[in-house]
Amino acid sequence: MDELTKTIVERGDLAHLALFLWASGASALLVWSLKEMAAGNKRFNDFVSEIASLNRLFRKGDE
């Protein structure tokens, strides 16, 4: 990696390196946040399913 950085600095493409690092970081953050959102949606769906099963259980007790 040191060779790559040295080559980029020598050619004057430091702005391109900074842009690449920023874009990589932003993309990684997006992937992480989407993964966390999907996990949160799954937990919420499990919670709603448990509430529905409790409602069915309590309804059977009333009949």
PDB file of N, CA and C in Angstrom:
ATOM      1  N   MET A   1       0.826  -1.189   0.000  1.00  0.00           N
ATOM      2  CA  MET A   1       0.000   0.000   0.000  1.00  0.00           C
ATOM      3  C   MET A   1       0.870   1.253   0.000  1.00  0.00           C
ATOM      4  N   ASP A   2       2.036   1.188   0.583  1.00  0.00           N
ATOM      5  CA  ASP A   2       2.926   2.338   0.629  1.00  0.00           C
ATOM      6  C   ASP A   2       3.376   2.732  -0.767  1.00  0.00           C
ATOM      7  N   GLU A   3       3.625   1.743  -1.627  1.00  0.00           N
ATOM      8  CA  GLU A   3       4.024   2.023  -3.010  1.00  0.00           C
ATOM      9  C   GLU A   3       2.907   2.745  -3.753  1.00  0.00           C
ATOM     10  N   LEU A   4       1.682   2.296  -3.551  1.00  0.00           N
ATOM     11  CA  LEU A   4       0.540   2.903  -4.219  1.00  0.00           C
ATOM     12  C   LEU A   4       0.363   4.347  -3.780  1.00  0.00           C
ATOM     13  N   THR A   5       0.456   4.598  -2.491  1.00  0.00           N
ATOM     14  CA  THR A   5       0.328   5.961  -1.972  1.00  0.00           C
ATOM     15  C   THR A   5       1.447   6.847  -2.493  1.00  0.00           C
ATOM     16  N   LYS A   6       2.671   6.320  -2.524  1.00  0.00           N
ATOM     17  CA  LYS A   6       3.818   7.085  -3.017  1.00  0.00           C
ATOM     18  C   LYS A   6       3.632   7.446  -4.488  1.00  0.00           C
ATOM     19  N   THR A   7       3.163   6.508  -5.291  1.00  0.00           N
ATOM     20  CA  THR A   7       2.924   6.763  -6.708  1.00  0.00           C
ATOM     21  C   THR A   7       1.857   7.835  -6.903  1.00  0.00           C
ATOM     22  N   ILE A   8       0.802   7.759  -6.124  1.00  0.00           N
ATOM     23  CA  ILE A   8      -0.286   8.739  -6.246  1.00  0.00           C
ATOM     24  C   ILE A   8       0.200  10.123  -5.856  1.00  0.00           C
ATOM     25  N   VAL A   9       0.963  10.220  -4.779  1.00  0.00           N
ATOM     26  CA  VAL A   9       1.478  11.512  -4.339  1.00  0.00           C
ATOM     27  C   VAL A   9       2.447  12.086  -5.367  1.00  0.00           C
ATOM     28  N   GLU A  10       3.282  11.255  -5.939  1.00  0.00           N
ATOM     29  CA  GLU A  10       4.245  11.727  -6.945  1.00  0.00           C
ATOM     30  C   GLU A  10       3.548  12.237  -8.198  1.00  0.00           C
ATOM     31  N   ARG A  11       2.469  11.638  -8.571  1.00  0.00           N
ATOM     32  CA  ARG A  11       1.756  12.052  -9.781  1.00  0.00           C
ATOM     33  C   ARG A  11       0.833  13.242  -9.512  1.00  0.00           C
ATOM     34  N   GLY A  12       0.661  13.624  -8.280  1.00  0.00           N
ATOM     35  CA  GLY A  12      -0.184  14.768  -7.957  1.00  0.00           C
ATOM     36  C   GLY A  12      -1.652  14.434  -7.898  1.00  0.00           C
ATOM     37  N   ASP A  13      -1.984  13.163  -7.710  1.00  0.00           N
ATOM     38  CA  ASP A  13      -3.374  12.740  -7.648  1.00  0.00           C
ATOM     39  C   ASP A  13      -3.851  12.589  -6.208  1.00  0.00           C
ATOM     40  N   LEU A  14      -3.380  13.448  -5.350  1.00  0.00           N
ATOM     41  CA  LEU A  14      -3.770  13.365  -3.946  1.00  0.00           C
ATOM     42  C   LEU A  14      -5.264  13.620  -3.768  1.00  0.00           C
ATOM     43  N   ALA A  15      -5.812  14.520  -4.586  1.00  0.00           N
ATOM     44  CA  ALA A  15      -7.255  14.794  -4.510  1.00  0.00           C
ATOM     45  C   ALA A  15      -8.060  13.557  -4.895  1.00  0.00           C
ATOM     46  N   HIS A  16      -7.572  12.813  -5.883  1.00  0.00           N
ATOM     47  CA  HIS A  16      -8.268  11.587  -6.266  1.00  0.00           C
ATOM     48  C   HIS A  16      -8.213  10.548  -5.151  1.00  0.00           C
ATOM     49  N   LEU A  17      -7.081  10.473  -4.476  1.00  0.00           N
ATOM     50  CA  LEU A  17      -6.961   9.550  -3.356  1.00  0.00           C
ATOM     51  C   LEU A  17      -7.921   9.942  -2.243  1.00  0.00           C
ATOM     52  N   ALA A  18      -8.004  11.224  -1.934  1.00  0.00           N
ATOM     53  CA  ALA A  18      -8.916  11.689  -0.889  1.00  0.00           C
ATOM     54  C   ALA A  18     -10.364  11.410  -1.272  1.00  0.00           C
ATOM     55  N   LEU A  19     -10.714  11.652  -2.515  1.00  0.00           N
ATOM     56  CA  LEU A  19     -12.073  11.382  -2.980  1.00  0.00           C
ATOM     57  C   LEU A  19     -12.392   9.899  -2.916  1.00  0.00           C
ATOM     58  N   PHE A  20     -11.439   9.070  -3.312  1.00  0.00           N
ATOM     59  CA  PHE A  20     -11.647   7.616  -3.243  1.00  0.00           C
ATOM     60  C   PHE A  20     -11.857   7.155  -1.801  1.00  0.00           C
ATOM     61  N   LEU A  21     -11.036   7.672  -0.892  1.00  0.00           N
ATOM     62  CA  LEU A  21     -11.188   7.281   0.516  1.00  0.00           C
ATOM     63  C   LEU A  21     -12.516   7.753   1.084  1.00  0.00           C
ATOM     64  N   TRP A  22     -12.940   8.965   0.722  1.00  0.00           N
ATOM     65  CA  TRP A  22     -14.225   9.474   1.192  1.00  0.00           C
ATOM     66  C   TRP A  22     -15.368   8.615   0.638  1.00  0.00           C
ATOM     67  N   ALA A  23     -15.325   8.304  -0.639  1.00  0.00           N
ATOM     68  CA  ALA A  23     -16.381   7.501  -1.252  1.00  0.00           C
ATOM     69  C   ALA A  23     -16.419   6.093  -0.664  1.00  0.00           C
ATOM     70  N   SER A  24     -15.254   5.533  -0.406  1.00  0.00           N
ATOM     71  CA  SER A  24     -15.209   4.196   0.195  1.00  0.00           C
ATOM     72  C   SER A  24     -15.805   4.219   1.594  1.00  0.00           C
ATOM     73  N   GLY A  25     -15.453   5.229   2.364  1.00  0.00           N
ATOM     74  CA  GLY A  25     -16.000   5.345   3.714  1.00  0.00           C
ATOM     75  C   GLY A  25     -17.497   5.555   3.706  1.00  0.00           C
ATOM     76  N   ALA A  26     -17.987   6.400   2.804  1.00  0.00           N
ATOM     77  CA  ALA A  26     -19.422   6.652   2.717  1.00  0.00           C
ATOM     78  C   ALA A  26     -20.173   5.396   2.286  1.00  0.00           C
ATOM     79  N   SER A  27     -19.603   4.651   1.352  1.00  0.00           N
ATOM     80  CA  SER A  27     -20.248   3.410   0.902  1.00  0.00           C
ATOM     81  C   SER A  27     -20.275   2.369   2.012  1.00  0.00           C
ATOM     82  N   ALA A  28     -19.182   2.267   2.748  1.00  0.00           N
ATOM     83  CA  ALA A  28     -19.144   1.309   3.857  1.00  0.00           C
ATOM     84  C   ALA A  28     -20.162   1.683   4.932  1.00  0.00           C
ATOM     85  N   LEU A  29     -20.294   2.978   5.200  1.00  0.00           N
ATOM     86  CA  LEU A  29     -21.281   3.429   6.185  1.00  0.00           C
ATOM     87  C   LEU A  29     -22.697   3.136   5.718  1.00  0.00           C
ATOM     88  N   LEU A  30     -22.962   3.300   4.430  1.00  0.00           N
ATOM     89  CA  LEU A  30     -24.276   2.995   3.883  1.00  0.00           C
ATOM     90  C   LEU A  30     -24.594   1.509   4.016  1.00  0.00           C
ATOM     91  N   VAL A  31     -23.642   0.658   3.673  1.00  0.00           N
ATOM     92  CA  VAL A  31     -23.853  -0.788   3.780  1.00  0.00           C
ATOM     93  C   VAL A  31     -24.110  -1.174   5.234  1.00  0.00           C
ATOM     94  N   TRP A  32     -23.325  -0.614   6.151  1.00  0.00           N
ATOM     95  CA  TRP A  32     -23.502  -0.922   7.570  1.00  0.00           C
ATOM     96  C   TRP A  32     -24.881  -0.473   8.060  1.00  0.00           C
ATOM     97  N   SER A  33     -25.300   0.731   7.683  1.00  0.00           N
ATOM     98  CA  SER A  33     -26.584   1.237   8.157  1.00  0.00           C
ATOM     99  C   SER A  33     -27.749   0.439   7.574  1.00  0.00           C
ATOM    100  N   LEU A  34     -27.642   0.011   6.317  1.00  0.00           N
ATOM    101  CA  LEU A  34     -28.699  -0.821   5.736  1.00  0.00           C
ATOM    102  C   LEU A  34     -28.778  -2.177   6.433  1.00  0.00           C
ATOM    103  N   LYS A  35     -27.614  -2.734   6.778  1.00  0.00           N
ATOM    104  CA  LYS A  35     -27.596  -4.010   7.496  1.00  0.00           C
ATOM    105  C   LYS A  35     -28.244  -3.863   8.873  1.00  0.00           C
ATOM    106  N   GLU A  36     -27.937  -2.775   9.570  1.00  0.00           N
ATOM    107  CA  GLU A  36     -28.531  -2.526  10.885  1.00  0.00           C
ATOM    108  C   GLU A  36     -30.035  -2.289  10.776  1.00  0.00           C
ATOM    109  N   MET A  37     -30.458  -1.589   9.726  1.00  0.00           N
ATOM    110  CA  MET A  37     -31.885  -1.336   9.541  1.00  0.00           C
ATOM    111  C   MET A  37     -32.633  -2.641   9.268  1.00  0.00           C
ATOM    112  N   ALA A  38     -32.042  -3.513   8.480  1.00  0.00           N
ATOM    113  CA  ALA A  38     -32.673  -4.809   8.195  1.00  0.00           C
ATOM    114  C   ALA A  38     -32.783  -5.637   9.470  1.00  0.00           C
ATOM    115  N   ALA A  39     -31.743  -5.605  10.301  1.00  0.00           N
ATOM    116  CA  ALA A  39     -31.796  -6.347  11.561  1.00  0.00           C
ATOM    117  C   ALA A  39     -32.854  -5.761  12.489  1.00  0.00           C
ATOM    118  N   GLY A  40     -32.963  -4.442  12.520  1.00  0.00           N
ATOM    119  CA  GLY A  40     -33.987  -3.798  13.343  1.00  0.00           C
ATOM    120  C   GLY A  40     -35.393  -4.135  12.865  1.00  0.00           C
ATOM    121  N   ASN A  41     -35.587  -4.165  11.551  1.00  0.00           N
ATOM    122  CA  ASN A  41     -36.889  -4.537  11.002  1.00  0.00           C
ATOM    123  C   ASN A  41     -37.248  -5.975  11.359  1.00  0.00           C
ATOM    124  N   LYS A  42     -36.263  -6.862  11.350  1.00  0.00           N
ATOM    125  CA  LYS A  42     -36.524  -8.257  11.712  1.00  0.00           C
ATOM    126  C   LYS A  42     -36.914  -8.379  13.179  1.00  0.00           C
ATOM    127  N   ARG A  43     -36.187  -7.644  14.046  1.00  0.00           N
ATOM    128  CA  ARG A  43     -36.545  -7.678  15.467  1.00  0.00           C
ATOM    129  C   ARG A  43     -37.942  -7.123  15.702  1.00  0.00           C
ATOM    130  N   PHE A  44     -38.301  -6.036  15.006  1.00  0.00           N
ATOM    131  CA  PHE A  44     -39.634  -5.466  15.159  1.00  0.00           C
ATOM    132  C   PHE A  44     -40.694  -6.435  14.663  1.00  0.00           C
ATOM    133  N   ASN A  45     -40.427  -7.123  13.543  1.00  0.00           N
ATOM    134  CA  ASN A  45     -41.370  -8.105  13.022  1.00  0.00           C
ATOM    135  C   ASN A  45     -41.556  -9.255  14.014  1.00  0.00           C
ATOM    136  N   ASP A  46     -40.469  -9.702  14.634  1.00  0.00           N
ATOM    137  CA  ASP A  46     -40.579 -10.755  15.655  1.00  0.00           C
ATOM    138  C   ASP A  46     -41.420 -10.282  16.838  1.00  0.00           C
ATOM    139  N   PHE A  47     -41.236  -9.028  17.241  1.00  0.00           N
ATOM    140  CA  PHE A  47     -42.001  -8.456  18.347  1.00  0.00           C
ATOM    141  C   PHE A  47     -43.491  -8.409  18.014  1.00  0.00           C
ATOM    142  N   VAL A  48     -43.831  -7.946  16.819  1.00  0.00           N
ATOM    143  CA  VAL A  48     -45.232  -7.872  16.404  1.00  0.00           C
ATOM    144  C   VAL A  48     -45.843  -9.270  16.325  1.00  0.00           C
ATOM    145  N   SER A  49     -45.085 -10.233  15.867  1.00  0.00           N
ATOM    146  CA  SER A  49     -45.590 -11.613  15.798  1.00  0.00           C
ATOM    147  C   SER A  49     -45.882 -12.164  17.191  1.00  0.00           C
ATOM    148  N   GLU A  50     -45.018 -11.844  18.157  1.00  0.00           N
ATOM    149  CA  GLU A  50     -45.255 -12.293  19.539  1.00  0.00           C
ATOM    150  C   GLU A  50     -46.494 -11.633  20.127  1.00  0.00           C
ATOM    151  N   ILE A  51     -46.689 -10.355  19.862  1.00  0.00           N
ATOM    152  CA  ILE A  51     -47.891  -9.661  20.338  1.00  0.00           C
ATOM    153  C   ILE A  51     -49.141 -10.278  19.712  1.00  0.00           C
ATOM    154  N   ALA A  52     -49.078 -10.609  18.425  1.00  0.00           N
ATOM    155  CA  ALA A  52     -50.224 -11.237  17.756  1.00  0.00           C
ATOM    156  C   ALA A  52     -50.526 -12.598  18.359  1.00  0.00           C
ATOM    157  N   SER A  53     -49.488 -13.355  18.686  1.00  0.00           N
ATOM    158  CA  SER A  53     -49.746 -14.670  19.293  1.00  0.00           C
ATOM    159  C   SER A  53     -50.325 -14.520  20.697  1.00  0.00           C
ATOM    160  N   LEU A  54     -49.897 -13.512  21.442  1.00  0.00           N
ATOM    161  CA  LEU A  54     -50.499 -13.257  22.755  1.00  0.00           C
ATOM    162  C   LEU A  54     -51.961 -12.851  22.619  1.00  0.00           C
ATOM    163  N   ASN A  55     -52.258 -12.029  21.637  1.00  0.00           N
ATOM    164  CA  ASN A  55     -53.656 -11.637  21.413  1.00  0.00           C
ATOM    165  C   ASN A  55     -54.513 -12.845  21.072  1.00  0.00           C
ATOM    166  N   ARG A  56     -53.990 -13.758  20.237  1.00  0.00           N
ATOM    167  CA  ARG A  56     -54.744 -14.973  19.915  1.00  0.00           C
ATOM    168  C   ARG A  56     -54.952 -15.827  21.164  1.00  0.00           C
ATOM    169  N   LEU A  57     -53.929 -15.911  22.007  1.00  0.00           N
ATOM    170  CA  LEU A  57     -54.023 -16.692  23.239  1.00  0.00           C
ATOM    171  C   LEU A  57     -55.068 -16.108  24.177  1.00  0.00           C
ATOM    172  N   PHE A  58     -55.094 -14.803  24.337  1.00  0.00           N
ATOM    173  CA  PHE A  58     -56.069 -14.170  25.223  1.00  0.00           C
ATOM    174  C   PHE A  58     -57.477 -14.236  24.653  1.00  0.00           C
ATOM    175  N   ARG A  59     -57.619 -14.191  23.327  1.00  0.00           N
ATOM    176  CA  ARG A  59     -58.926 -14.315  22.713  1.00  0.00           C
ATOM    177  C   ARG A  59     -59.502 -15.713  22.916  1.00  0.00           C
ATOM    178  N   LYS A  60     -58.655 -16.734  22.852  1.00  0.00           N
ATOM    179  CA  LYS A  60     -59.135 -18.100  23.085  1.00  0.00           C
ATOM    180  C   LYS A  60     -59.610 -18.262  24.514  1.00  0.00           C
ATOM    181  N   GLY A  61     -58.986 -17.567  25.443  1.00  0.00           N
ATOM    182  CA  GLY A  61     -59.403 -17.650  26.845  1.00  0.00           C
ATOM    183  C   GLY A  61     -60.744 -16.999  27.103  1.00  0.00           C
ATOM    184  N   ASP A  62     -61.137 -16.023  26.297  1.00  0.00           N
ATOM    185  CA  ASP A  62     -62.423 -15.335  26.463  1.00  0.00           C
ATOM    186  C   ASP A  62     -63.584 -16.150  25.924  1.00  0.00           C
ATOM    187  N   GLU A  63     -63.314 -17.037  24.990  1.00  0.00           N
ATOM    188  CA  GLU A  63     -64.391 -17.794  24.359  1.00  0.00           C
ATOM    189  C   GLU A  63     -64.866 -18.921  25.206  1.00  0.00           C
TER     190      GLU A  63
END
